[in-house]
C-alpha atoms as a PDB file:
ATOM      1  CA  UNK A   1      -0.036  -0.170   0.005  1.00  0.00           C
ATOM      2  CA  UNK A   2       2.014   2.938  -1.179  1.00  0.00           C
ATOM      3  CA  UNK A   3       2.227   5.926   1.246  1.00  0.00           C
ATOM      4  CA  UNK A   4       4.591   8.845   1.456  1.00  0.00           C
ATOM      5  CA  UNK A   5       7.611   6.557   2.711  1.00  0.00           C
ATOM      6  CA  UNK A   6       7.167   4.056  -0.421  1.00  0.00           C
ATOM      7  CA  UNK A   7       7.137   7.115  -3.019  1.00  0.00           C
ATOM      8  CA  UNK A   8      10.084   8.834  -1.387  1.00  0.00           C
ATOM      9  CA  UNK A   9      12.112   5.407  -1.403  1.00  0.00           C
ATOM     10  CA  UNK A  10      10.812   4.955  -5.191  1.00  0.00           C
ATOM     11  CA  UNK A  11      11.857   8.466  -6.274  1.00  0.00           C
ATOM     12  CA  UNK A  12      15.286   8.118  -4.402  1.00  0.00           C
ATOM     13  CA  UNK A  13      16.088   4.805  -6.197  1.00  0.00           C
ATOM     14  CA  UNK A  14      14.832   6.027  -9.550  1.00  0.00           C
ATOM     15  CA  UNK A  15      16.928   9.287  -9.422  1.00  0.00           C
ATOM     16  CA  UNK A  16      20.064   7.255  -8.630  1.00  0.00           C
ATOM     17  CA  UNK A  17      19.335   5.160 -11.663  1.00  0.00           C
ATOM     18  CA  UNK A  18      18.074   7.760 -14.078  1.00  0.00           C
ATOM     19  CA  UNK A  19      19.365  11.260 -13.184  1.00  0.00           C
ATOM     20  CA  UNK A  20      21.718  12.835 -15.651  1.00  0.00           C
ATOM     21  CA  UNK A  21      21.131   9.846 -18.247  1.00  0.00           C
ATOM     22  CA  UNK A  22      19.732  10.004 -21.675  1.00  0.00           C
ATOM     23  CA  UNK A  23      16.510   8.300 -22.482  1.00  0.00           C
ATOM     24  CA  UNK A  24      17.135   5.711 -25.273  1.00  0.00           C
ATOM     25  CA  UNK A  25      13.678   4.091 -25.308  1.00  0.00           C
ATOM     26  CA  UNK A  26      10.158   4.949 -24.209  1.00  0.00           C
ATOM     27  CA  UNK A  27       6.980   2.867 -24.142  1.00  0.00           C
ATOM     28  CA  UNK A  28       3.755   3.136 -22.668  1.00  0.00           C
ATOM     29  CA  UNK A  29       0.241   1.353 -22.540  1.00  0.00           C
ATOM     30  CA  UNK A  30      -1.552   4.592 -22.012  1.00  0.00           C
ATOM     31  CA  UNK A  31      -2.697   6.483 -25.145  1.00  0.00           C
ATOM     32  CA  UNK A  32      -2.424  10.069 -23.736  1.00  0.00           C
ATOM     33  CA  UNK A  33       1.263   9.439 -22.936  1.00  0.00           C
ATOM     34  CA  UNK A  34       1.954   7.859 -26.184  1.00  0.00           C
ATOM     35  CA  UNK A  35       0.266  10.929 -27.892  1.00  0.00           C
ATOM     36  CA  UNK A  36       2.611  13.328 -26.078  1.00  0.00           C
ATOM     37  CA  UNK A  37       5.701  10.996 -27.014  1.00  0.00           C
ATOM     38  CA  UNK A  38       4.719  11.065 -30.652  1.00  0.00           C
ATOM     39  CA  UNK A  39       4.439  14.889 -30.617  1.00  0.00           C
ATOM     40  CA  UNK A  40       7.450  15.691 -28.582  1.00  0.00           C
ATOM     41  CA  UNK A  41       9.468  12.411 -28.054  1.00  0.00           C
ATOM     42  CA  UNK A  42      10.729  11.511 -24.756  1.00  0.00           C
ATOM     43  CA  UNK A  43      13.605   9.643 -26.339  1.00  0.00           C
ATOM     44  CA  UNK A  44      16.750  11.820 -26.648  1.00  0.00           C
ATOM     45  CA  UNK A  45      15.895  13.908 -23.449  1.00  0.00           C
ATOM     46  CA  UNK A  46      18.023  13.858 -20.203  1.00  0.00           C
ATOM     47  CA  UNK A  47      16.309  12.754 -17.015  1.00  0.00           C
ATOM     48  CA  UNK A  48      17.034  15.764 -14.991  1.00  0.00           C
ATOM     49  CA  UNK A  49      15.847  14.395 -11.497  1.00  0.00           C
ATOM     50  CA  UNK A  50      13.218  12.274  -9.846  1.00  0.00           C
ATOM     51  CA  UNK A  51      11.194  13.652  -6.823  1.00  0.00           C
ATOM     52  CA  UNK A  52       8.437  12.859  -4.627  1.00  0.00           C
ATOM     53  CA  UNK A  53       5.877  15.166  -3.395  1.00  0.00           C
ATOM     54  CA  UNK A  54       3.648  13.494  -0.820  1.00  0.00           C
ATOM     55  CA  UNK A  55       2.177  10.395  -2.669  1.00  0.00           C
ATOM     56  CA  UNK A  56       3.070  11.863  -6.241  1.00  0.00           C
ATOM     57  CA  UNK A  57       6.203  10.881  -8.129  1.00  0.00           C
ATOM     58  CA  UNK A  58       7.539  13.403 -10.574  1.00  0.00           C
ATOM     59  CA  UNK A  59      10.127  12.515 -13.300  1.00  0.00           C
ATOM     60  CA  UNK A  60      11.732  15.612 -14.815  1.00  0.00           C
ATOM     61  CA  UNK A  61      13.098  15.581 -18.233  1.00  0.00           C
ATOM     62  CA  UNK A  62      15.033  18.313 -20.111  1.00  0.00           C
ATOM     63  CA  UNK A  63      12.763  20.530 -22.473  1.00  0.00           C
ATOM     64  CA  UNK A  64      10.199  21.139 -19.676  1.00  0.00           C
ATOM     65  CA  UNK A  65       8.554  17.789 -19.752  1.00  0.00           C
ATOM     66  CA  UNK A  66       7.474  16.147 -16.544  1.00  0.00           C
ATOM     67  CA  UNK A  67       5.934  12.587 -16.002  1.00  0.00           C
ATOM     68  CA  UNK A  68       3.487  12.740 -13.073  1.00  0.00           C
ATOM     69  CA  UNK A  69       2.509   9.371 -11.499  1.00  0.00           C
ATOM     70  CA  UNK A  70       0.359   8.224  -8.572  1.00  0.00           C
ATOM     71  CA  UNK A  71       0.506   4.801  -7.197  1.00  0.00           C
ATOM     72  CA  UNK A  72      -2.970   4.670  -5.424  1.00  0.00           C
ATOM     73  CA  UNK A  73      -3.423   1.313  -3.803  1.00  0.00           C
ATOM     74  CA  UNK A  74      -1.367  -1.006  -6.126  1.00  0.00           C
ATOM     75  CA  UNK A  75       0.927   0.682  -8.270  1.00  0.00           C
ATOM     76  CA  UNK A  76       4.770   0.422  -8.221  1.00  0.00           C
ATOM     77  CA  UNK A  77       7.934   1.491 -10.223  1.00  0.00           C
ATOM     78  CA  UNK A  78      10.608  -1.328 -10.925  1.00  0.00           C
ATOM     79  CA  UNK A  79      14.263  -0.745 -11.887  1.00  0.00           C
ATOM     80  CA  UNK A  80      16.134  -3.496 -13.925  1.00  0.00           C
ATOM     81  CA  UNK A  81      19.426  -3.562 -15.833  1.00  0.00           C
ATOM     82  CA  UNK A  82      19.119  -3.566 -19.363  1.00  0.00           C
ATOM     83  CA  UNK A  83      18.095  -7.022 -20.725  1.00  0.00           C
ATOM     84  CA  UNK A  84      17.372  -8.142 -16.999  1.00  0.00           C
ATOM     85  CA  UNK A  85      13.969 -10.246 -16.860  1.00  0.00           C
ATOM     86  CA  UNK A  86      11.262  -8.370 -15.450  1.00  0.00           C
ATOM     87  CA  UNK A  87       9.562  -9.668 -12.166  1.00  0.00           C
ATOM     88  CA  UNK A  88       5.983  -8.967 -13.359  1.00  0.00           C
ATOM     89  CA  UNK A  89       4.345  -9.976 -16.663  1.00  0.00           C
ATOM     90  CA  UNK A  90       4.054  -7.446 -19.521  1.00  0.00           C
ATOM     91  CA  UNK A  91       0.446  -7.112 -19.152  1.00  0.00           C
ATOM     92  CA  UNK A  92       1.005  -5.139 -15.984  1.00  0.00           C
ATOM     93  CA  UNK A  93       3.325  -2.757 -17.704  1.00  0.00           C
ATOM     94  CA  UNK A  94       2.028   1.037 -17.904  1.00  0.00           C
ATOM     95  CA  UNK A  95       5.277   2.834 -18.904  1.00  0.00           C
ATOM     96  CA  UNK A  96       9.016   2.013 -19.526  1.00  0.00           C
ATOM     97  CA  UNK A  97      11.905   4.676 -19.331  1.00  0.00           C
ATOM     98  CA  UNK A  98      14.938   3.026 -20.628  1.00  0.00           C
ATOM     99  CA  UNK A  99      18.733   4.356 -20.627  1.00  0.00           C
ATOM    100  CA  UNK A 100      21.880   2.522 -21.690  1.00  0.00           C
ATOM    101  CA  UNK A 101      21.997   1.156 -18.167  1.00  0.00           C
ATOM    102  CA  UNK A 102      18.670   0.748 -16.604  1.00  0.00           C
ATOM    103  CA  UNK A 103      14.841   0.167 -17.486  1.00  0.00           C
ATOM    104  CA  UNK A 104      12.409   1.896 -15.224  1.00  0.00           C
ATOM    105  CA  UNK A 105       9.158   0.063 -15.398  1.00  0.00           C
ATOM    106  CA  UNK A 106       5.829   1.401 -14.194  1.00  0.00           C
ATOM    107  CA  UNK A 107       3.487  -1.687 -13.212  1.00  0.00           C
ATOM    108  CA  UNK A 108      -0.262  -1.239 -12.510  1.00  0.00           C
ATOM    109  CA  UNK A 109       0.332   2.690 -11.966  1.00  0.00           C
ATOM    110  CA  UNK A 110      -3.293   3.953 -12.434  1.00  0.00           C
ATOM    111  CA  UNK A 111      -2.532   7.757 -12.778  1.00  0.00           C
ATOM    112  CA  UNK A 112       0.020   8.969 -15.154  1.00  0.00           C
ATOM    113  CA  UNK A 113       0.251  12.173 -17.129  1.00  0.00           C
ATOM    114  CA  UNK A 114       2.906  14.380 -18.869  1.00  0.00           C
ATOM    115  CA  UNK A 115       3.007  18.072 -17.762  1.00  0.00           C
ATOM    116  CA  UNK A 116       5.189  21.154 -18.498  1.00  0.00           C
ATOM    117  CA  UNK A 117       5.935  23.320 -15.291  1.00  0.00           C
ATOM    118  CA  UNK A 118       3.060  25.602 -16.129  1.00  0.00           C
ATOM    119  CA  UNK A 119       0.485  23.033 -16.753  1.00  0.00           C
ATOM    120  CA  UNK A 120       1.524  21.145 -13.485  1.00  0.00           C
ATOM    121  CA  UNK A 121       1.002  24.419 -11.787  1.00  0.00           C
ATOM    122  CA  UNK A 122      -2.425  24.979 -13.264  1.00  0.00           C
ATOM    123  CA  UNK A 123      -3.928  21.697 -13.695  1.00  0.00           C
ATOM    124  CA  UNK A 124      -3.078  19.502 -10.774  1.00  0.00           C
ATOM    125  CA  UNK A 125      -3.558  19.424  -7.036  1.00  0.00           C
ATOM    126  CA  UNK A 126       0.109  18.918  -6.621  1.00  0.00           C
ATOM    127  CA  UNK A 127       0.965  22.598  -5.759  1.00  0.00           C
ATOM    128  CA  UNK A 128      -1.784  22.574  -3.219  1.00  0.00           C
ATOM    129  CA  UNK A 129      -0.313  19.721  -1.266  1.00  0.00           C
ATOM    130  CA  UNK A 130       0.447  20.546   2.475  1.00  0.00           C
ATOM    131  CA  UNK A 131       3.827  20.489   3.988  1.00  0.00           C
ATOM    132  CA  UNK A 132       5.632  17.219   3.006  1.00  0.00           C
ATOM    133  CA  UNK A 133       6.813  15.276   6.111  1.00  0.00           C
ATOM    134  CA  UNK A 134       9.747  13.888   4.457  1.00  0.00           C
ATOM    135  CA  UNK A 135      11.164  17.042   3.012  1.00  0.00           C
ATOM    136  CA  UNK A 136      13.762  19.218   4.787  1.00  0.00           C
ATOM    137  CA  UNK A 137      11.639  22.198   3.978  1.00  0.00           C
ATOM    138  CA  UNK A 138       8.753  20.822   6.056  1.00  0.00           C
ATOM    139  CA  UNK A 139       7.056  23.589   8.053  1.00  0.00           C
ATOM    140  CA  UNK A 140       5.547  22.361  11.321  1.00  0.00           C
ATOM    141  CA  UNK A 141       4.070  25.609  11.956  1.00  0.00           C
ATOM    142  CA  UNK A 142       2.254  25.642   8.692  1.00  0.00           C
ATOM    143  CA  UNK A 143       1.365  22.052   9.141  1.00  0.00           C
ATOM    144  CA  UNK A 144      -0.356  22.826  12.501  1.00  0.00           C
ATOM    145  CA  UNK A 145      -1.999  25.870  11.062  1.00  0.00           C
ATOM    146  CA  UNK A 146      -3.700  23.700   8.335  1.00  0.00           C
ATOM    147  CA  UNK A 147      -4.623  21.096  10.862  1.00  0.00           C
ATOM    148  CA  UNK A 148      -6.458  23.335  13.406  1.00  0.00           C
ATOM    149  CA  UNK A 149      -8.406  25.044  10.792  1.00  0.00           C
ATOM    150  CA  UNK A 150     -10.353  21.617  10.360  1.00  0.00           C
ATOM    151  CA  UNK A 151     -11.538  21.672  13.922  1.00  0.00           C
ATOM    152  CA  UNK A 152     -14.851  19.963  13.193  1.00  0.00           C
ATOM    153  CA  UNK A 153     -13.388  17.015  11.456  1.00  0.00           C
ATOM    154  CA  UNK A 154     -12.046  13.871  13.098  1.00  0.00           C
ATOM    155  CA  UNK A 155      -8.424  13.771  13.238  1.00  0.00           C
ATOM    156  CA  UNK A 156      -7.657  10.511  11.333  1.00  0.00           C
ATOM    157  CA  UNK A 157      -9.600  11.805   8.552  1.00  0.00           C
ATOM    158  CA  UNK A 158      -7.603  15.234   8.511  1.00  0.00           C
ATOM    159  CA  UNK A 159      -4.380  13.110   8.583  1.00  0.00           C
ATOM    160  CA  UNK A 160      -5.179  11.665   5.432  1.00  0.00           C
ATOM    161  CA  UNK A 161      -5.873  15.088   3.788  1.00  0.00           C
ATOM    162  CA  UNK A 162      -2.947  15.755   1.561  1.00  0.00           C
ATOM    163  CA  UNK A 163      -3.675  19.340   1.461  1.00  0.00           C
ATOM    164  CA  UNK A 164      -2.958  19.369   5.320  1.00  0.00           C
ATOM    165  CA  UNK A 165       0.059  16.979   5.400  1.00  0.00           C
ATOM    166  CA  UNK A 166       1.520  15.326   2.469  1.00  0.00           C
ATOM    167  CA  UNK A 167       2.732  11.732   2.696  1.00  0.00           C
ATOM    168  CA  UNK A 168       0.361   9.989   5.406  1.00  0.00           C
ATOM    169  CA  UNK A 169      -1.539   7.038   4.279  1.00  0.00           C
ATOM    170  CA  UNK A 170      -4.107   4.506   5.829  1.00  0.00           C
ATOM    171  CA  UNK A 171      -1.387   2.785   7.671  1.00  0.00           C
ATOM    172  CA  UNK A 172       0.345   5.516   9.007  1.00  0.00           C
ATOM    173  CA  UNK A 173      -2.843   7.290  10.043  1.00  0.00           C
ATOM    174  CA  UNK A 174      -3.637   4.521  12.526  1.00  0.00           C
ATOM    175  CA  UNK A 175      -0.295   4.088  13.849  1.00  0.00           C
ATOM    176  CA  UNK A 176       0.452   7.671  14.581  1.00  0.00           C
ATOM    177  CA  UNK A 177      -2.802   8.030  16.502  1.00  0.00           C
ATOM    178  CA  UNK A 178      -2.013   5.021  18.641  1.00  0.00           C
ATOM    179  CA  UNK A 179       1.560   6.175  19.303  1.00  0.00           C
ATOM    180  CA  UNK A 180       0.184   9.562  20.673  1.00  0.00           C
ATOM    181  CA  UNK A 181      -2.701   8.036  22.615  1.00  0.00           C
ATOM    182  CA  UNK A 182      -5.274   9.911  20.447  1.00  0.00           C
ATOM    183  CA  UNK A 183      -8.482   8.264  19.477  1.00  0.00           C
ATOM    184  CA  UNK A 184      -8.813   8.559  15.672  1.00  0.00           C
ATOM    185  CA  UNK A 185     -12.385   9.805  16.046  1.00  0.00           C
ATOM    186  CA  UNK A 186     -11.540  12.899  18.078  1.00  0.00           C
ATOM    187  CA  UNK A 187     -12.453  16.064  16.573  1.00  0.00           C
ATOM    188  CA  UNK A 188      -9.271  18.380  15.946  1.00  0.00           C
ATOM    189  CA  UNK A 189     -10.860  21.057  18.040  1.00  0.00           C
ATOM    190  CA  UNK A 190     -10.679  18.797  21.045  1.00  0.00           C
ATOM    191  CA  UNK A 191      -7.095  18.030  20.856  1.00  0.00           C
ATOM    192  CA  UNK A 192      -4.568  19.740  23.163  1.00  0.00           C
ATOM    193  CA  UNK A 193      -1.609  21.516  21.878  1.00  0.00           C
ATOM    194  CA  UNK A 194       0.656  18.905  23.224  1.00  0.00           C
ATOM    195  CA  UNK A 195      -1.430  16.264  21.381  1.00  0.00           C
ATOM    196  CA  UNK A 196      -1.068  18.151  18.139  1.00  0.00           C
ATOM    197  CA  UNK A 197       2.588  18.475  18.642  1.00  0.00           C
ATOM    198  CA  UNK A 198       2.851  14.855  19.268  1.00  0.00           C
ATOM    199  CA  UNK A 199       1.019  13.922  16.009  1.00  0.00           C
ATOM    200  CA  UNK A 200       3.254  16.085  14.173  1.00  0.00           C
ATOM    201  CA  UNK A 201       6.719  14.835  15.646  1.00  0.00           C
ATOM    202  CA  UNK A 202       5.179  11.230  15.566  1.00  0.00           C
ATOM    203  CA  UNK A 203       4.417  11.568  11.921  1.00  0.00           C
ATOM    204  CA  UNK A 204       7.859  12.718  10.916  1.00  0.00           C
ATOM    205  CA  UNK A 205       9.607  10.122  12.850  1.00  0.00           C
ATOM    206  CA  UNK A 206       7.671   7.187  11.807  1.00  0.00           C
ATOM    207  CA  UNK A 207       7.815   8.214   7.991  1.00  0.00           C
ATOM    208  CA  UNK A 208      11.599   9.023   8.311  1.00  0.00           C
ATOM    209  CA  UNK A 209      12.340   5.751   9.984  1.00  0.00           C
ATOM    210  CA  UNK A 210      10.643   3.891   6.853  1.00  0.00           C
ATOM    211  CA  UNK A 211      12.978   5.694   4.366  1.00  0.00           C
ATOM    212  CA  UNK A 212      16.479   5.235   6.136  1.00  0.00           C
ATOM    213  CA  UNK A 213      19.315   4.200   4.001  1.00  0.00           C
ATOM    214  CA  UNK A 214      20.417   1.651   6.476  1.00  0.00           C
ATOM    215  CA  UNK A 215      20.649  -0.972   3.686  1.00  0.00           C
ATOM    216  CA  UNK A 216      23.703   0.704   2.547  1.00  0.00           C
ATOM    217  CA  UNK A 217      24.938   2.525  -0.572  1.00  0.00           C
ATOM    218  CA  UNK A 218      23.476   1.859  -3.869  1.00  0.00           C
ATOM    219  CA  UNK A 219      20.184   1.572  -5.396  1.00  0.00           C
ATOM    220  CA  UNK A 220      17.815   0.274  -2.797  1.00  0.00           C
ATOM    221  CA  UNK A 221      14.376  -0.509  -4.337  1.00  0.00           C
ATOM    222  CA  UNK A 222      12.742  -2.350  -1.333  1.00  0.00           C
ATOM    223  CA  UNK A 223      13.379  -2.291   2.278  1.00  0.00           C
ATOM    224  CA  UNK A 224      10.898  -4.864   3.714  1.00  0.00           C
ATOM    225  CA  UNK A 225       7.789  -4.236   5.455  1.00  0.00           C
ATOM    226  CA  UNK A 226       6.716  -1.065   6.824  1.00  0.00           C
ATOM    227  CA  UNK A 227       7.563  -0.627  10.627  1.00  0.00           C
ATOM    228  CA  UNK A 228       6.373   1.568  13.306  1.00  0.00           C
ATOM    229  CA  UNK A 229       7.161  -0.339  16.625  1.00  0.00           C
ATOM    230  CA  UNK A 230      10.761  -0.782  16.084  1.00  0.00           C
ATOM    231  CA  UNK A 231      10.664  -4.400  16.896  1.00  0.00           C
ATOM    232  CA  UNK A 232      12.903  -6.834  15.020  1.00  0.00           C
ATOM    233  CA  UNK A 233      10.304  -9.580  14.776  1.00  0.00           C
ATOM    234  CA  UNK A 234       8.604  -9.156  11.479  1.00  0.00           C
ATOM    235  CA  UNK A 235       5.267 -10.251  13.092  1.00  0.00           C
ATOM    236  CA  UNK A 236       5.424  -7.378  15.560  1.00  0.00           C
ATOM    237  CA  UNK A 237       6.059  -4.423  13.157  1.00  0.00           C
ATOM    238  CA  UNK A 238       2.958  -2.434  13.544  1.00  0.00           C
ATOM    239  CA  UNK A 239       1.084  -1.466  16.566  1.00  0.00           C
ATOM    240  CA  UNK A 240      -2.655  -1.713  15.502  1.00  0.00           C
ATOM    241  CA  UNK A 241      -2.996  -1.615  11.587  1.00  0.00           C
ATOM    242  CA  UNK A 242      -4.377  -4.846  10.478  1.00  0.00           C
ATOM    243  CA  UNK A 243      -4.723  -6.448  13.917  1.00  0.00           C
ATOM    244  CA  UNK A 244      -8.526  -6.202  14.480  1.00  0.00           C
ATOM    245  CA  UNK A 245      -9.324  -8.748  17.156  1.00  0.00           C
ATOM    246  CA  UNK A 246      -5.879  -9.204  18.479  1.00  0.00           C
ATOM    247  CA  UNK A 247      -4.579  -7.974  21.797  1.00  0.00           C
ATOM    248  CA  UNK A 248      -3.045  -4.390  21.977  1.00  0.00           C
ATOM    249  CA  UNK A 249       0.758  -4.699  22.414  1.00  0.00           C
ATOM    250  CA  UNK A 250       0.575  -2.161  25.152  1.00  0.00           C
ATOM    251  CA  UNK A 251      -2.382  -3.075  27.406  1.00  0.00           C
ATOM    252  CA  UNK A 252      -3.830  -6.320  25.988  1.00  0.00           C
ATOM    253  CA  UNK A 253      -7.135  -4.807  25.055  1.00  0.00           C
ATOM    254  CA  UNK A 254      -8.700  -6.188  21.835  1.00  0.00           C
ATOM    255  CA  UNK A 255      -7.794  -3.989  18.837  1.00  0.00           C
ATOM    256  CA  UNK A 256     -10.985  -2.675  16.905  1.00  0.00           C
ATOM    257  CA  UNK A 257     -11.463  -1.554  13.344  1.00  0.00           C
ATOM    258  CA  UNK A 258     -14.207   0.626  11.935  1.00  0.00           C
ATOM    259  CA  UNK A 259     -14.668   2.379   8.583  1.00  0.00           C
ATOM    260  CA  UNK A 260     -14.248   6.158   8.716  1.00  0.00           C
ATOM    261  CA  UNK A 261     -14.565   9.126   6.502  1.00  0.00           C
ATOM    262  CA  UNK A 262     -16.060   9.472   2.983  1.00  0.00           C
ATOM    263  CA  UNK A 263     -13.819   6.891   1.557  1.00  0.00           C
ATOM    264  CA  UNK A 264     -14.874   4.386   4.344  1.00  0.00           C
ATOM    265  CA  UNK A 265     -11.183   3.836   5.042  1.00  0.00           C
ATOM    266  CA  UNK A 266     -10.276   1.155   7.828  1.00  0.00           C
ATOM    267  CA  UNK A 267      -9.155   2.598  11.037  1.00  0.00           C
ATOM    268  CA  UNK A 268      -7.798   0.463  13.728  1.00  0.00           C
ATOM    269  CA  UNK A 269      -7.324   1.612  17.274  1.00  0.00           C
ATOM    270  CA  UNK A 270      -7.123   0.430  20.924  1.00  0.00           C
ATOM    271  CA  UNK A 271     -10.176   1.658  22.831  1.00  0.00           C
ATOM    272  CA  UNK A 272      -8.216   1.608  26.220  1.00  0.00           C
ATOM    273  CA  UNK A 273      -5.103   3.436  24.978  1.00  0.00           C
ATOM    274  CA  UNK A 274      -6.868   5.833  22.834  1.00  0.00           C
ATOM    275  CA  UNK A 275      -9.919   6.946  24.556  1.00  0.00           C
ATOM    276  CA  UNK A 276     -12.265   9.693  23.302  1.00  0.00           C
ATOM    277  CA  UNK A 277     -12.189  12.928  25.013  1.00  0.00           C
ATOM    278  CA  UNK A 278     -14.835  13.223  27.624  1.00  0.00           C
ATOM    279  CA  UNK A 279     -17.780  15.649  26.463  1.00  0.00           C
ATOM    280  CA  UNK A 280     -18.274  18.736  28.542  1.00  0.00           C
ATOM    281  CA  UNK A 281     -22.022  17.739  28.993  1.00  0.00           C
ATOM    282  CA  UNK A 282     -21.545  14.033  29.557  1.00  0.00           C
ATOM    283  CA  UNK A 283     -22.804  14.376  33.280  1.00  0.00           C
ATOM    284  CA  UNK A 284     -19.550  12.561  34.279  1.00  0.00           C
ATOM    285  CA  UNK A 285     -17.836  15.712  35.400  1.00  0.00           C
ATOM    286  CA  UNK A 286     -15.310  15.328  32.380  1.00  0.00           C
ATOM    287  CA  UNK A 287     -14.123  18.383  30.352  1.00  0.00           C
ATOM    288  CA  UNK A 288     -13.241  18.713  26.705  1.00  0.00           C
ATOM    289  CA  UNK A 289      -9.482  19.179  26.232  1.00  0.00           C
ATOM    290  CA  UNK A 290      -9.232  22.331  24.119  1.00  0.00           C
ATOM    291  CA  UNK A 291      -6.361  23.811  22.080  1.00  0.00           C
ATOM    292  CA  UNK A 292      -4.696  25.229  25.004  1.00  0.00           C
ATOM    293  CA  UNK A 293      -5.623  22.953  27.724  1.00  0.00           C
ATOM    294  CA  UNK A 294      -2.905  20.901  29.248  1.00  0.00           C
ATOM    295  CA  UNK A 295      -2.843  17.276  28.528  1.00  0.00           C
ATOM    296  CA  UNK A 296      -3.948  15.104  31.678  1.00  0.00           C
ATOM    297  CA  UNK A 297      -3.598  11.601  29.919  1.00  0.00           C
ATOM    298  CA  UNK A 298      -0.303   9.817  29.495  1.00  0.00           C
ATOM    299  CA  UNK A 299       0.996  10.045  25.949  1.00  0.00           C
ATOM    300  CA  UNK A 300       2.518   6.985  24.220  1.00  0.00           C
ATOM    301  CA  UNK A 301       5.768   6.899  22.221  1.00  0.00           C
ATOM    302  CA  UNK A 302       6.607  10.512  22.367  1.00  0.00           C
ATOM    303  CA  UNK A 303       9.613  12.090  23.800  1.00  0.00           C
END
């Protein structure tokens, strides 16, 4: 399930393989890409750079041409040496960019289009993305500002909004909320300032941990399963995502799952570690934790 970490790693690997190289062959299964190639050939251009922006991957060619792709749920980019056998069948191929050394193959990538810098700015949602959690230019202040403006929305839905924060997908959404002890169904307006800061710092920490270059130098195309717990055991790599009906790794309570938001995305949480804030009129003497109210619950996984 590609999220910001997957796209970042893919862009990094593609950049290592393609940057500065001349395109010697281009092939695509998409008519709109083929039409652009027929009119303004990709072959002969130099790959200037490959970058990620949230969940989008952009390949920049000389002559002001940009290939923009989005993986959605099942797309992927592979890198092969010329002549090397592909690991997937040709029926899944959507685009091939070849140089003298490598072939970059897009498999089952459902969204792909060519742009110039001008059309990218005018006709796509990419310039409207929120601060990218994996970029050095990330502005926490700007991210917090965008988050708190959506006070009436549930926090897990807002974390998925790429115009608020770029890079978080469904897995990280549940894992970030758990790590901060925040119910994914809490309205943003009920979060304390400390909880908001925890969500931001945890989001950056978890995504960064999944794009580390610990595998060593060279072109690293896959680093194994996504991890948020830090556990060495592959079976214990996530806190709550995909663990419905299993015991919470912290307290032993059974993990729950519920569909959430307009997209009915699966949300996993521990009801014990992630309680909803008490409503002000719940009759139980509780109070809503507002933006400036100190946190009275223990936070998990933040330092």
